[in-house]
Structure formats: C-alpha cells, structure tokens
Amino acid sequence: MDVQEFQKKLGELCRMAESQNKTVTAQQVREFFSGMELDQGQLLKIIQYLKVQGITIEGAEIPDTESEEKEPERKAIPLTPEEKAYLKEYQEGFSAITQSEKSLEELFQELADGKEDAKAALTGRYLPVAAELAVQMNCEEILLADLIQESNLCLLDALLQPEPELKNDGWLRREIIRGIGRVIEEQTEQKLHDDSLVARVEKLDNAIRELSEDEEDGKAKFSVNELAIILDMDVEEMKDILRLTGDDK
C-alpha cells in the first residue's frame, strides 16, 4: 500500500464528507479506496476512523458507538499468557482503592455540578471498566499494558470535559471507547508509515547494490540526482533514505 496515496485519499474523503454535512455512504468509501487492494478489516478500520471524526457512514454494517444500549463489537486479539498474568496482577490492585459509597447517579450528578470530589470517585470506580474495555479492544498495534494506560488517560480526559453534556455510565463508556479507537488508529497509521519507509529503504538499498554490481570493480557510485531518475523517486526522499542507510557520503 502506498501510504502517501492512502493518506491523500483519506483526507479527500473527509473533505467530501464535510461538504455533505459530515455524511458519506459505505459505497463512497469503497469507491474512494478501490484499486488499493484493501481487505475487509482495513475498510472497517477506515469506517471506524471516520466515525471517530464525527462522520456518519450510511449503509455501513458496523456497530453504532452513539448507542447507549450497545457497545461497539470489535474482534479483540486473544491475550497471551504473559498478558493474562499482567492483567490479573493489575486488576488485583483495584482492591486497594477505596470506593465511594454514593451511587453512580449521585456521582454523575455531582460531576455535572462541577464537584471535584466526584471526578476522583468516578475515576476509582471506572478504572476497572477502562481496563475491561482495553481488553475488549486489544489489538496488534499496541501492547495490552500500553492500551490499558491509554484507556486510563481517556477516562481522565472524559471526566475533565467541561461541556454541559448529559453525563452517565453510557456517556463515559463511549468516551473511553472513542479515545481508545483514536489511539489505535494513530498507531495503525504510524505502522503503515513505518512499514512503507522500511520498504523504500530496502528498495533503495537493493537498487544501489544491483547497480554497483554491474560495474567491474563493484565500487560504482551514482549521484542522488542520477539515482532519483533511475529509480523514479523524489530527490528529497532519496536524501532522507540515504541518511537512514548511512550511504549519503
């Protein structure tokens, strides 16, 4: 996959959605990325990313994160024995947290009223929930321990929101899920970028070796401009990659 082309198309799709009252159809999404050989899982991630951006996708068979009745279904990666051991030890630490005796309704009302104690009380009450949601959204892009920490940050960020929105259990769970989803998307995009960079480095390194091996002494050198023409690559990109390989001398 050409990451730059992917990012360009994703940006164009978001702009088109803005011009259509933040709405696109599932068919438009598929058409935008046709020819890039994306599998169903990758298309689903694109749709999930768009929903995180507040874009409605019509005709997409995906869970509705706006619903308080249902949480988004996500095929989580099974935990390894090491991750299970970490999770068990992490969850055991919750027993040391002193929980408020107030009901959730009371705590959310106090949160809406701006009472600082309510934030601390809800944080203690929802740390286990944040860990549970992180496990449900476990993925290959992020280690479980890091994902749990990110979910905790999403919990804190949500409780600090000043907007006068109805605050309850469903709202807080959705905010945590949205936050985790954004982190996963960012990591996925970064991985795509890193994989693409590795591929370009390998391509350039192999090309230099092949071109050098054509010469009798094996020491032929080409200027960056010459290699850029031969390999059909941008000069600045060539220079960046050569710096990474140490062949920019």
C-alpha atoms as a PDB file:
ATOM      1  CA  MET A   1       0.000   0.000   0.000  1.00  0.00           C
ATOM      2  CA  ASP A   2       1.213   3.482  -0.895  1.00  0.00           C
ATOM      3  CA  VAL A   3       0.858   5.303   2.443  1.00  0.00           C
ATOM      4  CA  GLN A   4       1.014   8.778   0.895  1.00  0.00           C
ATOM      5  CA  GLU A   5      -1.738   7.887  -1.571  1.00  0.00           C
ATOM      6  CA  PHE A   6      -3.770   6.356   1.272  1.00  0.00           C
ATOM      7  CA  GLN A   7      -3.411   9.498   3.426  1.00  0.00           C
ATOM      8  CA  LYS A   8      -4.308  11.698   0.455  1.00  0.00           C
ATOM      9  CA  LYS A   9      -7.456   9.699  -0.284  1.00  0.00           C
ATOM     10  CA  LEU A  10      -8.440   9.661   3.400  1.00  0.00           C
ATOM     11  CA  GLY A  11      -8.085  13.445   3.544  1.00  0.00           C
ATOM     12  CA  GLU A  12     -10.126  13.878   0.357  1.00  0.00           C
ATOM     13  CA  LEU A  13     -12.835  11.594   1.727  1.00  0.00           C
ATOM     14  CA  CYS A  14     -13.034  13.611   4.967  1.00  0.00           C
ATOM     15  CA  ARG A  15     -13.316  16.853   2.999  1.00  0.00           C
ATOM     16  CA  MET A  16     -16.061  15.376   0.849  1.00  0.00           C
ATOM     17  CA  ALA A  17     -17.903  14.274   3.987  1.00  0.00           C
ATOM     18  CA  GLU A  18     -17.669  17.834   5.337  1.00  0.00           C
ATOM     19  CA  SER A  19     -19.272  19.119   2.144  1.00  0.00           C
ATOM     20  CA  GLN A  20     -22.064  16.546   2.570  1.00  0.00           C
ATOM     21  CA  ASN A  21     -23.000  17.557   6.109  1.00  0.00           C
ATOM     22  CA  LYS A  22     -20.443  15.138   7.598  1.00  0.00           C
ATOM     23  CA  THR A  23     -22.039  12.151   5.863  1.00  0.00           C
ATOM     24  CA  VAL A  24     -20.768   9.596   3.351  1.00  0.00           C
ATOM     25  CA  THR A  25     -22.077   6.252   2.163  1.00  0.00           C
ATOM     26  CA  ALA A  26     -20.327   2.920   2.554  1.00  0.00           C
ATOM     27  CA  GLN A  27     -20.263   2.680  -1.243  1.00  0.00           C
ATOM     28  CA  GLN A  28     -18.428   6.007  -1.491  1.00  0.00           C
ATOM     29  CA  VAL A  29     -15.821   4.743   0.973  1.00  0.00           C
ATOM     30  CA  ARG A  30     -15.274   1.577  -1.076  1.00  0.00           C
ATOM     31  CA  GLU A  31     -15.049   3.554  -4.324  1.00  0.00           C
ATOM     32  CA  PHE A  32     -12.554   6.004  -2.823  1.00  0.00           C
ATOM     33  CA  PHE A  33     -10.146   3.206  -1.959  1.00  0.00           C
ATOM     34  CA  SER A  34     -10.807   0.930  -4.932  1.00  0.00           C
ATOM     35  CA  GLY A  35      -7.608  -0.234  -6.557  1.00  0.00           C
ATOM     36  CA  MET A  36      -5.655  -0.185  -3.283  1.00  0.00           C
ATOM     37  CA  GLU A  37      -6.471  -3.844  -2.567  1.00  0.00           C
ATOM     38  CA  LEU A  38      -7.678  -3.194   0.979  1.00  0.00           C
ATOM     39  CA  ASP A  39      -9.223  -6.148   2.782  1.00  0.00           C
ATOM     40  CA  GLN A  40     -12.471  -6.019   4.748  1.00  0.00           C
ATOM     41  CA  GLY A  41     -10.647  -5.461   8.034  1.00  0.00           C
ATOM     42  CA  GLN A  42      -8.808  -2.423   6.660  1.00  0.00           C
ATOM     43  CA  LEU A  43     -12.029  -0.961   5.262  1.00  0.00           C
ATOM     44  CA  LEU A  44     -13.674  -1.456   8.655  1.00  0.00           C
ATOM     45  CA  LYS A  45     -10.831   0.438  10.327  1.00  0.00           C
ATOM     46  CA  ILE A  46     -11.312   3.297   7.850  1.00  0.00           C
ATOM     47  CA  ILE A  47     -15.017   3.416   8.673  1.00  0.00           C
ATOM     48  CA  GLN A  48     -14.262   3.353  12.397  1.00  0.00           C
ATOM     49  CA  TYR A  49     -11.790   6.200  11.918  1.00  0.00           C
ATOM     50  CA  LEU A  50     -14.412   8.250  10.091  1.00  0.00           C
ATOM     51  CA  LYS A  51     -16.922   7.692  12.881  1.00  0.00           C
ATOM     52  CA  VAL A  52     -14.369   8.881  15.431  1.00  0.00           C
ATOM     53  CA  GLN A  53     -14.129  12.076  13.353  1.00  0.00           C
ATOM     54  CA  GLY A  54     -17.866  12.533  13.758  1.00  0.00           C
ATOM     55  CA  ILE A  55     -18.691  11.426  10.210  1.00  0.00           C
ATOM     56  CA  THR A  56     -21.839   9.364   9.628  1.00  0.00           C
ATOM     57  CA  ILE A  57     -21.494   6.397   7.256  1.00  0.00           C
ATOM     58  CA  GLU A  58     -24.761   5.405   5.627  1.00  0.00           C
ATOM     59  CA  GLY A  59     -25.189   1.748   4.735  1.00  0.00           C
ATOM     60  CA  ALA A  60     -22.193   0.557   6.756  1.00  0.00           C
ATOM     61  CA  GLU A  61     -22.706  -2.635   8.717  1.00  0.00           C
ATOM     62  CA  ILE A  62     -20.793  -1.534  11.787  1.00  0.00           C
ATOM     63  CA  PRO A  63     -21.748  -1.003  15.434  1.00  0.00           C
ATOM     64  CA  ASP A  64     -23.159   2.372  16.422  1.00  0.00           C
ATOM     65  CA  THR A  65     -20.902   3.925  19.062  1.00  0.00           C
ATOM     66  CA  GLU A  66     -23.552   6.559  19.724  1.00  0.00           C
ATOM     67  CA  SER A  67     -25.937   3.997  21.196  1.00  0.00           C
ATOM     68  CA  GLU A  68     -26.093   3.693  24.952  1.00  0.00           C
ATOM     69  CA  GLU A  69     -27.631   0.245  24.632  1.00  0.00           C
ATOM     70  CA  LYS A  70     -24.780  -1.369  22.738  1.00  0.00           C
ATOM     71  CA  GLU A  71     -21.020  -1.135  22.808  1.00  0.00           C
ATOM     72  CA  PRO A  72     -19.104  -1.490  19.537  1.00  0.00           C
ATOM     73  CA  GLU A  73     -18.244  -5.048  18.684  1.00  0.00           C
ATOM     74  CA  ARG A  74     -14.592  -5.468  17.929  1.00  0.00           C
ATOM     75  CA  LYS A  75     -12.685  -8.644  17.256  1.00  0.00           C
ATOM     76  CA  ALA A  76     -10.104  -8.482  20.007  1.00  0.00           C
ATOM     77  CA  ILE A  77      -6.758 -10.219  19.766  1.00  0.00           C
ATOM     78  CA  PRO A  78      -6.636 -13.094  22.301  1.00  0.00           C
ATOM     79  CA  LEU A  79      -4.424 -12.381  25.292  1.00  0.00           C
ATOM     80  CA  THR A  80      -1.107 -14.155  25.605  1.00  0.00           C
ATOM     81  CA  PRO A  81      -0.263 -15.960  28.869  1.00  0.00           C
ATOM     82  CA  GLU A  82       2.003 -13.034  29.770  1.00  0.00           C
ATOM     83  CA  GLU A  83      -0.791 -10.523  29.123  1.00  0.00           C
ATOM     84  CA  LYS A  84      -3.233 -12.575  31.196  1.00  0.00           C
ATOM     85  CA  ALA A  85      -0.759 -12.605  34.076  1.00  0.00           C
ATOM     86  CA  TYR A  86      -0.237  -8.854  33.778  1.00  0.00           C
ATOM     87  CA  LEU A  87      -3.993  -8.215  33.665  1.00  0.00           C
ATOM     88  CA  LYS A  88      -4.613 -10.361  36.743  1.00  0.00           C
ATOM     89  CA  GLU A  89      -1.922  -8.547  38.725  1.00  0.00           C
ATOM     90  CA  TYR A  90      -3.218  -5.180  37.519  1.00  0.00           C
ATOM     91  CA  GLN A  91      -6.809  -5.984  38.493  1.00  0.00           C
ATOM     92  CA  GLU A  92      -5.741  -7.167  41.944  1.00  0.00           C
ATOM     93  CA  GLY A  93      -4.511  -3.642  42.611  1.00  0.00           C
ATOM     94  CA  PHE A  94      -8.087  -2.327  42.426  1.00  0.00           C
ATOM     95  CA  SER A  95      -8.837  -3.848  45.818  1.00  0.00           C
ATOM     96  CA  ALA A  96      -6.638  -1.183  47.396  1.00  0.00           C
ATOM     97  CA  ILE A  97      -8.812   1.633  46.022  1.00  0.00           C
ATOM     98  CA  THR A  98     -11.354   2.994  48.481  1.00  0.00           C
ATOM     99  CA  GLN A  99     -14.659   3.299  46.654  1.00  0.00           C
ATOM    100  CA  SER A 100     -17.263   5.964  47.314  1.00  0.00           C
ATOM    101  CA  GLU A 101     -20.488   4.721  48.864  1.00  0.00           C
ATOM    102  CA  LYS A 102     -22.532   7.020  46.631  1.00  0.00           C
ATOM    103  CA  SER A 103     -24.447   5.646  43.676  1.00  0.00           C
ATOM    104  CA  LEU A 104     -23.346   6.263  40.108  1.00  0.00           C
ATOM    105  CA  GLU A 105     -26.340   8.546  39.591  1.00  0.00           C
ATOM    106  CA  GLU A 106     -25.261  10.683  42.536  1.00  0.00           C
ATOM    107  CA  LEU A 107     -21.653  10.825  41.391  1.00  0.00           C
ATOM    108  CA  PHE A 108     -22.566  11.783  37.818  1.00  0.00           C
ATOM    109  CA  GLN A 109     -24.886  14.489  39.098  1.00  0.00           C
ATOM    110  CA  GLU A 110     -22.079  15.871  41.265  1.00  0.00           C
ATOM    111  CA  LEU A 111     -19.768  15.716  38.244  1.00  0.00           C
ATOM    112  CA  ALA A 112     -22.294  17.732  36.237  1.00  0.00           C
ATOM    113  CA  ASP A 113     -22.420  20.202  39.135  1.00  0.00           C
ATOM    114  CA  GLY A 114     -18.664  20.669  38.924  1.00  0.00           C
ATOM    115  CA  LYS A 115     -17.705  18.977  42.182  1.00  0.00           C
ATOM    116  CA  GLU A 116     -14.043  17.913  42.109  1.00  0.00           C
ATOM    117  CA  ASP A 117     -14.552  15.014  44.528  1.00  0.00           C
ATOM    118  CA  ALA A 118     -16.863  13.379  42.001  1.00  0.00           C
ATOM    119  CA  LYS A 119     -14.041  13.164  39.433  1.00  0.00           C
ATOM    120  CA  ALA A 120     -11.804  11.290  41.858  1.00  0.00           C
ATOM    121  CA  ALA A 121     -14.622   8.993  42.939  1.00  0.00           C
ATOM    122  CA  LEU A 122     -15.632   8.168  39.350  1.00  0.00           C
ATOM    123  CA  THR A 123     -12.005   7.608  38.388  1.00  0.00           C
ATOM    124  CA  GLY A 124     -11.663   4.961  41.087  1.00  0.00           C
ATOM    125  CA  ARG A 125     -14.991   3.409  40.102  1.00  0.00           C
ATOM    126  CA  TYR A 126     -14.180   3.269  36.365  1.00  0.00           C
ATOM    127  CA  LEU A 127     -10.529   2.185  36.315  1.00  0.00           C
ATOM    128  CA  PRO A 128     -11.636  -1.485  36.187  1.00  0.00           C
ATOM    129  CA  VAL A 129     -14.085  -0.586  33.409  1.00  0.00           C
ATOM    130  CA  ALA A 130     -11.345   1.150  31.409  1.00  0.00           C
ATOM    131  CA  ALA A 131      -9.160  -1.962  31.724  1.00  0.00           C
ATOM    132  CA  GLU A 132     -12.049  -4.156  30.632  1.00  0.00           C
ATOM    133  CA  LEU A 133     -12.708  -2.004  27.555  1.00  0.00           C
ATOM    134  CA  ALA A 134      -8.994  -2.056  26.683  1.00  0.00           C
ATOM    135  CA  VAL A 135      -9.048  -5.866  26.794  1.00  0.00           C
ATOM    136  CA  GLN A 136     -12.129  -5.914  24.551  1.00  0.00           C
ATOM    137  CA  MET A 137     -10.284  -3.700  22.039  1.00  0.00           C
ATOM    138  CA  ASN A 138      -6.935  -5.488  22.363  1.00  0.00           C
ATOM    139  CA  CYS A 139      -5.048  -5.230  19.081  1.00  0.00           C
ATOM    140  CA  GLU A 140      -1.732  -5.991  17.425  1.00  0.00           C
ATOM    141  CA  GLU A 141      -0.738  -2.354  17.115  1.00  0.00           C
ATOM    142  CA  ILE A 142      -0.329  -1.659  20.844  1.00  0.00           C
ATOM    143  CA  LEU A 143       0.797  -3.756  23.816  1.00  0.00           C
ATOM    144  CA  LEU A 144      -2.012  -4.512  26.255  1.00  0.00           C
ATOM    145  CA  ALA A 145      -0.249  -2.712  29.113  1.00  0.00           C
ATOM    146  CA  ASP A 146       0.090   0.418  26.974  1.00  0.00           C
ATOM    147  CA  LEU A 147      -3.503   0.133  25.783  1.00  0.00           C
ATOM    148  CA  ILE A 148      -4.754  -0.020  29.374  1.00  0.00           C
ATOM    149  CA  GLN A 149      -2.731   3.074  30.247  1.00  0.00           C
ATOM    150  CA  GLU A 150      -4.179   4.854  27.218  1.00  0.00           C
ATOM    151  CA  SER A 151      -7.689   3.856  28.290  1.00  0.00           C
ATOM    152  CA  ASN A 152      -6.994   5.340  31.738  1.00  0.00           C
ATOM    153  CA  LEU A 153      -5.956   8.603  30.104  1.00  0.00           C
ATOM    154  CA  CYS A 154      -9.146   8.553  28.027  1.00  0.00           C
ATOM    155  CA  LEU A 155     -11.114   8.107  31.263  1.00  0.00           C
ATOM    156  CA  LEU A 156      -9.412  11.101  32.873  1.00  0.00           C
ATOM    157  CA  ASP A 157      -9.822  13.245  29.746  1.00  0.00           C
ATOM    158  CA  ALA A 158     -13.544  12.461  29.654  1.00  0.00           C
ATOM    159  CA  LEU A 159     -14.054  13.393  33.291  1.00  0.00           C
ATOM    160  CA  LEU A 160     -12.316  16.714  32.687  1.00  0.00           C
ATOM    161  CA  GLN A 161     -14.596  17.685  29.806  1.00  0.00           C
ATOM    162  CA  PRO A 162     -16.391  20.951  30.640  1.00  0.00           C
ATOM    163  CA  GLU A 163     -19.163  20.591  28.071  1.00  0.00           C
ATOM    164  CA  PRO A 164     -22.674  20.581  29.556  1.00  0.00           C
ATOM    165  CA  GLU A 165     -23.435  17.143  28.122  1.00  0.00           C
ATOM    166  CA  LEU A 166     -25.584  14.546  29.857  1.00  0.00           C
ATOM    167  CA  LYS A 167     -23.050  12.595  31.867  1.00  0.00           C
ATOM    168  CA  ASN A 168     -23.821   9.000  32.793  1.00  0.00           C
ATOM    169  CA  ASP A 169     -22.433   5.485  32.507  1.00  0.00           C
ATOM    170  CA  GLY A 170     -23.178   5.185  28.793  1.00  0.00           C
ATOM    171  CA  TRP A 171     -21.562   8.532  28.032  1.00  0.00           C
ATOM    172  CA  LEU A 172     -18.373   7.716  29.947  1.00  0.00           C
ATOM    173  CA  ARG A 173     -18.001   4.282  28.361  1.00  0.00           C
ATOM    174  CA  ARG A 174     -18.447   5.788  24.892  1.00  0.00           C
ATOM    175  CA  GLU A 175     -15.804   8.427  25.583  1.00  0.00           C
ATOM    176  CA  ILE A 176     -13.321   5.791  26.715  1.00  0.00           C
ATOM    177  CA  ILE A 177     -14.045   3.643  23.653  1.00  0.00           C
ATOM    178  CA  ARG A 178     -13.697   6.617  21.308  1.00  0.00           C
ATOM    179  CA  GLY A 179     -10.402   7.572  22.900  1.00  0.00           C
ATOM    180  CA  ILE A 180      -9.025   4.045  22.614  1.00  0.00           C
ATOM    181  CA  GLY A 181     -10.185   3.927  18.998  1.00  0.00           C
ATOM    182  CA  ARG A 182      -8.328   7.150  18.195  1.00  0.00           C
ATOM    183  CA  VAL A 183      -5.134   5.809  19.760  1.00  0.00           C
ATOM    184  CA  ILE A 184      -5.396   2.565  17.783  1.00  0.00           C
ATOM    185  CA  GLU A 185      -5.979   4.467  14.539  1.00  0.00           C
ATOM    186  CA  GLU A 186      -2.965   6.691  15.195  1.00  0.00           C
ATOM    187  CA  GLN A 187      -0.776   3.670  15.873  1.00  0.00           C
ATOM    188  CA  THR A 188      -2.113   1.879  12.794  1.00  0.00           C
ATOM    189  CA  GLU A 189      -1.353   4.874  10.586  1.00  0.00           C
ATOM    190  CA  GLN A 190       2.126   5.173  12.100  1.00  0.00           C
ATOM    191  CA  LYS A 191       2.778   1.474  11.478  1.00  0.00           C
ATOM    192  CA  LEU A 192       1.684   1.849   7.857  1.00  0.00           C
ATOM    193  CA  HIS A 193       4.069   4.788   7.528  1.00  0.00           C
ATOM    194  CA  ASP A 194       6.931   2.867   9.170  1.00  0.00           C
ATOM    195  CA  ASP A 195       6.335  -0.227   7.024  1.00  0.00           C
ATOM    196  CA  SER A 196       6.306   1.928   3.910  1.00  0.00           C
ATOM    197  CA  LEU A 197       9.545   3.629   4.923  1.00  0.00           C
ATOM    198  CA  VAL A 198      11.231   0.278   5.550  1.00  0.00           C
ATOM    199  CA  ALA A 199      10.092  -0.907   2.121  1.00  0.00           C
ATOM    200  CA  ARG A 200      11.501   2.224   0.463  1.00  0.00           C
ATOM    201  CA  VAL A 201      14.812   1.851   2.302  1.00  0.00           C
ATOM    202  CA  GLU A 202      15.083  -1.789   1.233  1.00  0.00           C
ATOM    203  CA  LYS A 203      14.188  -0.866  -2.336  1.00  0.00           C
ATOM    204  CA  LEU A 204      16.857   1.814  -2.499  1.00  0.00           C
ATOM    205  CA  ASP A 205      19.491  -0.320  -0.786  1.00  0.00           C
ATOM    206  CA  ASN A 206      18.847  -3.242  -3.152  1.00  0.00           C
ATOM    207  CA  ALA A 207      18.907  -0.956  -6.173  1.00  0.00           C
ATOM    208  CA  ILE A 208      22.255   0.545  -5.160  1.00  0.00           C
ATOM    209  CA  ARG A 209      23.717  -2.919  -4.716  1.00  0.00           C
ATOM    210  CA  GLU A 210      22.404  -4.111  -8.062  1.00  0.00           C
ATOM    211  CA  LEU A 211      23.657  -1.033  -9.886  1.00  0.00           C
ATOM    212  CA  SER A 212      27.050  -1.313  -8.226  1.00  0.00           C
ATOM    213  CA  GLU A 213      27.377  -4.998  -9.037  1.00  0.00           C
ATOM    214  CA  ASP A 214      27.077  -4.169 -12.728  1.00  0.00           C
ATOM    215  CA  GLU A 215      30.490  -2.482 -12.594  1.00  0.00           C
ATOM    216  CA  GLU A 216      33.705  -4.463 -12.750  1.00  0.00           C
ATOM    217  CA  ASP A 217      35.231  -3.027  -9.582  1.00  0.00           C
ATOM    218  CA  GLY A 218      31.917  -3.094  -7.688  1.00  0.00           C
ATOM    219  CA  LYS A 219      32.518   0.449  -6.459  1.00  0.00           C
ATOM    220  CA  ALA A 220      30.489   2.476  -8.898  1.00  0.00           C
ATOM    221  CA  LYS A 221      28.797   5.491  -7.308  1.00  0.00           C
ATOM    222  CA  PHE A 222      25.836   7.424  -8.553  1.00  0.00           C
ATOM    223  CA  SER A 223      24.773  10.882  -7.528  1.00  0.00           C
ATOM    224  CA  VAL A 224      21.482  11.305  -5.718  1.00  0.00           C
ATOM    225  CA  ASN A 225      20.043  13.022  -8.782  1.00  0.00           C
ATOM    226  CA  GLU A 226      21.070  10.119 -11.004  1.00  0.00           C
ATOM    227  CA  LEU A 227      19.605   7.538  -8.646  1.00  0.00           C
ATOM    228  CA  ALA A 228      16.399   9.563  -8.361  1.00  0.00           C
ATOM    229  CA  ILE A 229      15.976   9.426 -12.134  1.00  0.00           C
ATOM    230  CA  ILE A 230      16.891   5.743 -12.364  1.00  0.00           C
ATOM    231  CA  LEU A 231      14.564   4.708  -9.508  1.00  0.00           C
ATOM    232  CA  ASP A 232      11.827   7.271 -10.231  1.00  0.00           C
ATOM    233  CA  MET A 233      11.975   8.691  -6.695  1.00  0.00           C
ATOM    234  CA  ASP A 234      11.876  12.222  -5.333  1.00  0.00           C
ATOM    235  CA  VAL A 235      15.333  13.687  -4.643  1.00  0.00           C
ATOM    236  CA  GLU A 236      14.483  14.831  -1.117  1.00  0.00           C
ATOM    237  CA  GLU A 237      13.020  11.423  -0.327  1.00  0.00           C
ATOM    238  CA  MET A 238      16.215   9.836  -1.693  1.00  0.00           C
ATOM    239  CA  LYS A 239      18.342  12.013   0.551  1.00  0.00           C
ATOM    240  CA  ASP A 240      16.261  11.152   3.622  1.00  0.00           C
ATOM    241  CA  ILE A 241      16.502   7.430   2.935  1.00  0.00           C
ATOM    242  CA  LEU A 242      20.220   7.602   2.208  1.00  0.00           C
ATOM    243  CA  ARG A 243      20.748   9.304   5.559  1.00  0.00           C
ATOM    244  CA  LEU A 244      18.986   6.378   7.231  1.00  0.00           C
ATOM    245  CA  THR A 245      21.134   3.827   5.436  1.00  0.00           C
ATOM    246  CA  GLY A 246      24.353   5.778   6.015  1.00  0.00           C
ATOM    247  CA  ASP A 247      25.020   5.959   2.254  1.00  0.00           C
ATOM    248  CA  ASP A 248      24.763   9.730   1.984  1.00  0.00           C
ATOM    249  CA  LYS A 249      28.501  10.285   1.955  1.00  0.00           C
END
